[in-house]
Amino acid sequence: MSEFAKKTLQALEAAIEKRANQSMLSMTIGGKAIGMMSLTEQLDIRDRLLREINASASQNLFKTVRVRFDI
């Protein structure tokens, strides 16, 4: 997953836990600043980002590697 998704997830989690700094709160998702979102919106977006990040990570775990042995 992109670095943007990871940073956004960190900012959302910090906002949910009430430990976000001003730069985190000013990050925008869908045209709305994290600091202006309701807790429900923050939780919904966090869950969506977690699903995307986990799906991307699981895709990277099972790559097919093809080898050829000459005998």
PDB file of N, CA and C in Angstrom:
ATOM      1  N   MET A   1       0.855  -1.175   0.000  1.00  0.00           N
ATOM      2  CA  MET A   1       0.000   0.000   0.000  1.00  0.00           C
ATOM      3  C   MET A   1       0.897   1.233   0.000  1.00  0.00           C
ATOM      4  N   SER A   2       0.324   2.302  -0.391  1.00  0.00           N
ATOM      5  CA  SER A   2       1.109   3.518  -0.536  1.00  0.00           C
ATOM      6  C   SER A   2       1.498   4.112   0.812  1.00  0.00           C
ATOM      7  N   GLU A   3       2.530   4.881   0.754  1.00  0.00           N
ATOM      8  CA  GLU A   3       2.980   5.601   1.952  1.00  0.00           C
ATOM      9  C   GLU A   3       1.902   6.569   2.428  1.00  0.00           C
ATOM     10  N   PHE A   4       1.148   7.128   1.479  1.00  0.00           N
ATOM     11  CA  PHE A   4       0.060   8.041   1.830  1.00  0.00           C
ATOM     12  C   PHE A   4      -0.971   7.352   2.717  1.00  0.00           C
ATOM     13  N   ALA A   5      -1.343   6.141   2.374  1.00  0.00           N
ATOM     14  CA  ALA A   5      -2.343   5.406   3.158  1.00  0.00           C
ATOM     15  C   ALA A   5      -1.844   5.141   4.568  1.00  0.00           C
ATOM     16  N   LYS A   6      -0.576   4.793   4.695  1.00  0.00           N
ATOM     17  CA  LYS A   6      -0.012   4.529   6.014  1.00  0.00           C
ATOM     18  C   LYS A   6       0.024   5.798   6.873  1.00  0.00           C
ATOM     19  N   LYS A   7       0.438   6.914   6.276  1.00  0.00           N
ATOM     20  CA  LYS A   7       0.483   8.178   7.023  1.00  0.00           C
ATOM     21  C   LYS A   7      -0.921   8.641   7.388  1.00  0.00           C
ATOM     22  N   THR A   8      -1.861   8.458   6.483  1.00  0.00           N
ATOM     23  CA  THR A   8      -3.231   8.842   6.757  1.00  0.00           C
ATOM     24  C   THR A   8      -3.796   7.999   7.885  1.00  0.00           C
ATOM     25  N   LEU A   9      -3.511   6.712   7.876  1.00  0.00           N
ATOM     26  CA  LEU A   9      -3.964   5.828   8.942  1.00  0.00           C
ATOM     27  C   LEU A   9      -3.383   6.251  10.285  1.00  0.00           C
ATOM     28  N   GLN A  10      -2.104   6.600  10.302  1.00  0.00           N
ATOM     29  CA  GLN A  10      -1.477   7.065  11.539  1.00  0.00           C
ATOM     30  C   GLN A  10      -2.149   8.338  12.047  1.00  0.00           C
ATOM     31  N   ALA A  11      -2.445   9.260  11.136  1.00  0.00           N
ATOM     32  CA  ALA A  11      -3.094  10.514  11.521  1.00  0.00           C
ATOM     33  C   ALA A  11      -4.500  10.259  12.051  1.00  0.00           C
ATOM     34  N   LEU A  12      -5.239   9.368  11.406  1.00  0.00           N
ATOM     35  CA  LEU A  12      -6.588   9.043  11.869  1.00  0.00           C
ATOM     36  C   LEU A  12      -6.565   8.400  13.250  1.00  0.00           C
ATOM     37  N   GLU A  13      -5.663   7.466  13.442  1.00  0.00           N
ATOM     38  CA  GLU A  13      -5.576   6.805  14.745  1.00  0.00           C
ATOM     39  C   GLU A  13      -5.182   7.792  15.836  1.00  0.00           C
ATOM     40  N   ALA A  14      -4.291   8.715  15.516  1.00  0.00           N
ATOM     41  CA  ALA A  14      -3.908   9.744  16.488  1.00  0.00           C
ATOM     42  C   ALA A  14      -5.095  10.648  16.810  1.00  0.00           C
ATOM     43  N   ALA A  15      -5.876  11.003  15.810  1.00  0.00           N
ATOM     44  CA  ALA A  15      -7.048  11.854  16.040  1.00  0.00           C
ATOM     45  C   ALA A  15      -8.082  11.122  16.890  1.00  0.00           C
ATOM     46  N   ILE A  16      -8.284   9.843  16.618  1.00  0.00           N
ATOM     47  CA  ILE A  16      -9.243   9.048  17.389  1.00  0.00           C
ATOM     48  C   ILE A  16      -8.809   8.969  18.847  1.00  0.00           C
ATOM     49  N   GLU A  17      -7.515   8.872  19.069  1.00  0.00           N
ATOM     50  CA  GLU A  17      -6.969   8.765  20.425  1.00  0.00           C
ATOM     51  C   GLU A  17      -6.714  10.124  21.064  1.00  0.00           C
ATOM     52  N   LYS A  18      -7.075  11.190  20.376  1.00  0.00           N
ATOM     53  CA  LYS A  18      -6.926  12.579  20.869  1.00  0.00           C
ATOM     54  C   LYS A  18      -5.471  12.956  21.149  1.00  0.00           C
ATOM     55  N   ARG A  19      -4.570  12.477  20.287  1.00  0.00           N
ATOM     56  CA  ARG A  19      -3.157  12.824  20.444  1.00  0.00           C
ATOM     57  C   ARG A  19      -2.563  13.381  19.152  1.00  0.00           C
ATOM     58  N   ALA A  20      -3.426  13.763  18.224  1.00  0.00           N
ATOM     59  CA  ALA A  20      -2.964  14.264  16.923  1.00  0.00           C
ATOM     60  C   ALA A  20      -2.477  15.693  17.039  1.00  0.00           C
ATOM     61  N   ASN A  21      -1.438  16.019  16.279  1.00  0.00           N
ATOM     62  CA  ASN A  21      -0.976  17.397  16.227  1.00  0.00           C
ATOM     63  C   ASN A  21      -1.740  18.140  15.119  1.00  0.00           C
ATOM     64  N   GLN A  22      -1.471  19.414  14.976  1.00  0.00           N
ATOM     65  CA  GLN A  22      -2.223  20.237  14.026  1.00  0.00           C
ATOM     66  C   GLN A  22      -2.037  19.792  12.579  1.00  0.00           C
ATOM     67  N   SER A  23      -0.843  19.348  12.230  1.00  0.00           N
ATOM     68  CA  SER A  23      -0.628  18.917  10.843  1.00  0.00           C
ATOM     69  C   SER A  23      -1.423  17.647  10.534  1.00  0.00           C
ATOM     70  N   MET A  24      -1.556  16.766  11.510  1.00  0.00           N
ATOM     71  CA  MET A  24      -2.363  15.566  11.309  1.00  0.00           C
ATOM     72  C   MET A  24      -3.837  15.924  11.159  1.00  0.00           C
ATOM     73  N   LEU A  25      -4.305  16.821  11.998  1.00  0.00           N
ATOM     74  CA  LEU A  25      -5.716  17.213  11.960  1.00  0.00           C
ATOM     75  C   LEU A  25      -6.069  17.960  10.681  1.00  0.00           C
ATOM     76  N   SER A  26      -5.091  18.590  10.052  1.00  0.00           N
ATOM     77  CA  SER A  26      -5.368  19.350   8.837  1.00  0.00           C
ATOM     78  C   SER A  26      -5.285  18.500   7.568  1.00  0.00           C
ATOM     79  N   MET A  27      -4.865  17.236   7.685  1.00  0.00           N
ATOM     80  CA  MET A  27      -4.843  16.347   6.518  1.00  0.00           C
ATOM     81  C   MET A  27      -6.272  16.164   6.026  1.00  0.00           C
ATOM     82  N   THR A  28      -6.433  16.155   4.708  1.00  0.00           N
ATOM     83  CA  THR A  28      -7.779  16.021   4.158  1.00  0.00           C
ATOM     84  C   THR A  28      -7.971  14.674   3.483  1.00  0.00           C
ATOM     85  N   ILE A  29      -9.160  14.156   3.644  1.00  0.00           N
ATOM     86  CA  ILE A  29      -9.573  12.910   3.007  1.00  0.00           C
ATOM     87  C   ILE A  29     -10.936  13.189   2.387  1.00  0.00           C
ATOM     88  N   GLY A  30     -11.019  13.054   1.105  1.00  0.00           N
ATOM     89  CA  GLY A  30     -12.282  13.325   0.428  1.00  0.00           C
ATOM     90  C   GLY A  30     -12.738  14.767   0.577  1.00  0.00           C
ATOM     91  N   GLY A  31     -11.779  15.688   0.665  1.00  0.00           N
ATOM     92  CA  GLY A  31     -12.102  17.101   0.771  1.00  0.00           C
ATOM     93  C   GLY A  31     -12.455  17.567   2.166  1.00  0.00           C
ATOM     94  N   LYS A  32     -12.311  16.712   3.169  1.00  0.00           N
ATOM     95  CA  LYS A  32     -12.660  17.086   4.543  1.00  0.00           C
ATOM     96  C   LYS A  32     -11.465  16.838   5.457  1.00  0.00           C
ATOM     97  N   ALA A  33     -11.138  17.827   6.273  1.00  0.00           N
ATOM     98  CA  ALA A  33     -10.009  17.703   7.189  1.00  0.00           C
ATOM     99  C   ALA A  33     -10.331  16.684   8.275  1.00  0.00           C
ATOM    100  N   ILE A  34      -9.330  15.937   8.680  1.00  0.00           N
ATOM    101  CA  ILE A  34      -9.508  14.926   9.720  1.00  0.00           C
ATOM    102  C   ILE A  34     -10.056  15.559  10.995  1.00  0.00           C
ATOM    103  N   GLY A  35      -9.570  16.741  11.330  1.00  0.00           N
ATOM    104  CA  GLY A  35     -10.017  17.421  12.539  1.00  0.00           C
ATOM    105  C   GLY A  35     -11.476  17.856  12.498  1.00  0.00           C
ATOM    106  N   MET A  36     -12.064  17.941  11.309  1.00  0.00           N
ATOM    107  CA  MET A  36     -13.459  18.354  11.177  1.00  0.00           C
ATOM    108  C   MET A  36     -14.408  17.166  11.051  1.00  0.00           C
ATOM    109  N   MET A  37     -13.872  15.966  11.026  1.00  0.00           N
ATOM    110  CA  MET A  37     -14.701  14.766  10.906  1.00  0.00           C
ATOM    111  C   MET A  37     -15.232  14.353  12.265  1.00  0.00           C
ATOM    112  N   SER A  38     -16.392  13.734  12.245  1.00  0.00           N
ATOM    113  CA  SER A  38     -16.925  13.155  13.481  1.00  0.00           C
ATOM    114  C   SER A  38     -16.136  11.891  13.804  1.00  0.00           C
ATOM    115  N   LEU A  39     -16.266  11.428  15.021  1.00  0.00           N
ATOM    116  CA  LEU A  39     -15.580  10.204  15.424  1.00  0.00           C
ATOM    117  C   LEU A  39     -16.047   9.031  14.562  1.00  0.00           C
ATOM    118  N   THR A  40     -17.325   8.994  14.242  1.00  0.00           N
ATOM    119  CA  THR A  40     -17.865   7.923  13.399  1.00  0.00           C
ATOM    120  C   THR A  40     -17.213   7.936  12.021  1.00  0.00           C
ATOM    121  N   GLU A  41     -17.057   9.124  11.432  1.00  0.00           N
ATOM    122  CA  GLU A  41     -16.406   9.233  10.126  1.00  0.00           C
ATOM    123  C   GLU A  41     -14.958   8.771  10.202  1.00  0.00           C
ATOM    124  N   GLN A  42     -14.258   9.203  11.262  1.00  0.00           N
ATOM    125  CA  GLN A  42     -12.865   8.806  11.432  1.00  0.00           C
ATOM    126  C   GLN A  42     -12.735   7.293  11.561  1.00  0.00           C
ATOM    127  N   LEU A  43     -13.620   6.671  12.326  1.00  0.00           N
ATOM    128  CA  LEU A  43     -13.576   5.223  12.513  1.00  0.00           C
ATOM    129  C   LEU A  43     -13.884   4.480  11.210  1.00  0.00           C
ATOM    130  N   ASP A  44     -14.864   4.972  10.463  1.00  0.00           N
ATOM    131  CA  ASP A  44     -15.214   4.339   9.189  1.00  0.00           C
ATOM    132  C   ASP A  44     -14.053   4.396   8.200  1.00  0.00           C
ATOM    133  N   ILE A  45     -13.429   5.558   8.085  1.00  0.00           N
ATOM    134  CA  ILE A  45     -12.309   5.714   7.152  1.00  0.00           C
ATOM    135  C   ILE A  45     -11.110   4.896   7.614  1.00  0.00           C
ATOM    136  N   ARG A  46     -10.872   4.875   8.929  1.00  0.00           N
ATOM    137  CA  ARG A  46      -9.765   4.068   9.458  1.00  0.00           C
ATOM    138  C   ARG A  46      -9.962   2.594   9.116  1.00  0.00           C
ATOM    139  N   ASP A  47     -11.182   2.100   9.298  1.00  0.00           N
ATOM    140  CA  ASP A  47     -11.459   0.700   8.992  1.00  0.00           C
ATOM    141  C   ASP A  47     -11.264   0.399   7.507  1.00  0.00           C
ATOM    142  N   ARG A  48     -11.679   1.322   6.661  1.00  0.00           N
ATOM    143  CA  ARG A  48     -11.515   1.144   5.219  1.00  0.00           C
ATOM    144  C   ARG A  48     -10.028   1.112   4.845  1.00  0.00           C
ATOM    145  N   LEU A  49      -9.256   2.035   5.426  1.00  0.00           N
ATOM    146  CA  LEU A  49      -7.814   2.053   5.147  1.00  0.00           C
ATOM    147  C   LEU A  49      -7.137   0.776   5.638  1.00  0.00           C
ATOM    148  N   LEU A  50      -7.532   0.296   6.816  1.00  0.00           N
ATOM    149  CA  LEU A  50      -6.959  -0.944   7.338  1.00  0.00           C
ATOM    150  C   LEU A  50      -7.234  -2.118   6.404  1.00  0.00           C
ATOM    151  N   ARG A  51      -8.457  -2.205   5.885  1.00  0.00           N
ATOM    152  CA  ARG A  51      -8.791  -3.281   4.948  1.00  0.00           C
ATOM    153  C   ARG A  51      -7.940  -3.188   3.689  1.00  0.00           C
ATOM    154  N   GLU A  52      -7.778  -1.972   3.169  1.00  0.00           N
ATOM    155  CA  GLU A  52      -6.975  -1.790   1.953  1.00  0.00           C
ATOM    156  C   GLU A  52      -5.511  -2.149   2.188  1.00  0.00           C
ATOM    157  N   ILE A  53      -4.967  -1.707   3.306  1.00  0.00           N
ATOM    158  CA  ILE A  53      -3.565  -1.984   3.623  1.00  0.00           C
ATOM    159  C   ILE A  53      -3.363  -3.481   3.822  1.00  0.00           C
ATOM    160  N   ASN A  54      -4.267  -4.125   4.550  1.00  0.00           N
ATOM    161  CA  ASN A  54      -4.143  -5.565   4.789  1.00  0.00           C
ATOM    162  C   ASN A  54      -4.306  -6.362   3.501  1.00  0.00           C
ATOM    163  N   ALA A  55      -5.204  -5.954   2.639  1.00  0.00           N
ATOM    164  CA  ALA A  55      -5.394  -6.642   1.362  1.00  0.00           C
ATOM    165  C   ALA A  55      -4.147  -6.515   0.503  1.00  0.00           C
ATOM    166  N   SER A  56      -3.558  -5.344   0.498  1.00  0.00           N
ATOM    167  CA  SER A  56      -2.349  -5.122  -0.284  1.00  0.00           C
ATOM    168  C   SER A  56      -1.193  -5.951   0.269  1.00  0.00           C
ATOM    169  N   ALA A  57      -1.090  -6.027   1.584  1.00  0.00           N
ATOM    170  CA  ALA A  57      -0.008  -6.780   2.210  1.00  0.00           C
ATOM    171  C   ALA A  57      -0.157  -8.270   1.926  1.00  0.00           C
ATOM    172  N   SER A  58      -1.388  -8.774   1.966  1.00  0.00           N
ATOM    173  CA  SER A  58      -1.572 -10.203   1.720  1.00  0.00           C
ATOM    174  C   SER A  58      -1.301 -10.556   0.259  1.00  0.00           C
ATOM    175  N   GLN A  59      -1.538  -9.642  -0.664  1.00  0.00           N
ATOM    176  CA  GLN A  59      -1.229  -9.889  -2.066  1.00  0.00           C
ATOM    177  C   GLN A  59       0.273 -10.023  -2.261  1.00  0.00           C
ATOM    178  N   ASN A  60       1.045  -9.273  -1.498  1.00  0.00           N
ATOM    179  CA  ASN A  60       2.496  -9.310  -1.641  1.00  0.00           C
ATOM    180  C   ASN A  60       3.113 -10.560  -1.016  1.00  0.00           C
ATOM    181  N   LEU A  61       2.386 -11.244  -0.137  1.00  0.00           N
ATOM    182  CA  LEU A  61       2.936 -12.416   0.531  1.00  0.00           C
ATOM    183  C   LEU A  61       2.983 -13.643  -0.367  1.00  0.00           C
ATOM    184  N   PHE A  62       2.066 -13.733  -1.303  1.00  0.00           N
ATOM    185  CA  PHE A  62       1.930 -14.955  -2.077  1.00  0.00           C
ATOM    186  C   PHE A  62       2.197 -14.724  -3.556  1.00  0.00           C
ATOM    187  N   LYS A  63       3.370 -14.245  -3.866  1.00  0.00           N
ATOM    188  CA  LYS A  63       3.761 -14.062  -5.254  1.00  0.00           C
ATOM    189  C   LYS A  63       4.288 -15.377  -5.805  1.00  0.00           C
ATOM    190  N   THR A  64       3.970 -15.638  -7.036  1.00  0.00           N
ATOM    191  CA  THR A  64       4.437 -16.852  -7.688  1.00  0.00           C
ATOM    192  C   THR A  64       5.858 -16.620  -8.190  1.00  0.00           C
ATOM    193  N   VAL A  65       6.706 -17.543  -7.838  1.00  0.00           N
ATOM    194  CA  VAL A  65       8.091 -17.505  -8.301  1.00  0.00           C
ATOM    195  C   VAL A  65       8.293 -18.708  -9.199  1.00  0.00           C
ATOM    196  N   ARG A  66       8.688 -18.462 -10.415  1.00  0.00           N
ATOM    197  CA  ARG A  66       8.897 -19.554 -11.362  1.00  0.00           C
ATOM    198  C   ARG A  66      10.389 -19.742 -11.570  1.00  0.00           C
ATOM    199  N   VAL A  67      10.784 -20.997 -11.485  1.00  0.00           N
ATOM    200  CA  VAL A  67      12.186 -21.343 -11.704  1.00  0.00           C
ATOM    201  C   VAL A  67      12.262 -22.481 -12.713  1.00  0.00           C
ATOM    202  N   ARG A  68      13.377 -22.572 -13.353  1.00  0.00           N
ATOM    203  CA  ARG A  68      13.596 -23.653 -14.310  1.00  0.00           C
ATOM    204  C   ARG A  68      14.939 -24.294 -13.978  1.00  0.00           C
ATOM    205  N   PHE A  69      14.933 -25.599 -13.889  1.00  0.00           N
ATOM    206  CA  PHE A  69      16.166 -26.331 -13.614  1.00  0.00           C
ATOM    207  C   PHE A  69      16.592 -27.055 -14.871  1.00  0.00           C
ATOM    208  N   ASP A  70      17.781 -26.806 -15.303  1.00  0.00           N
ATOM    209  CA  ASP A  70      18.336 -27.526 -16.449  1.00  0.00           C
ATOM    210  C   ASP A  70      19.108 -28.735 -15.933  1.00  0.00           C
ATOM    211  N   ILE A  71      18.685 -29.889 -16.411  1.00  0.00           N
ATOM    212  CA  ILE A  71      19.333 -31.117 -15.934  1.00  0.00           C
ATOM    213  C   ILE A  71      20.147 -31.708 -17.057  1.00  0.00           C
TER     214      ILE A  71
END
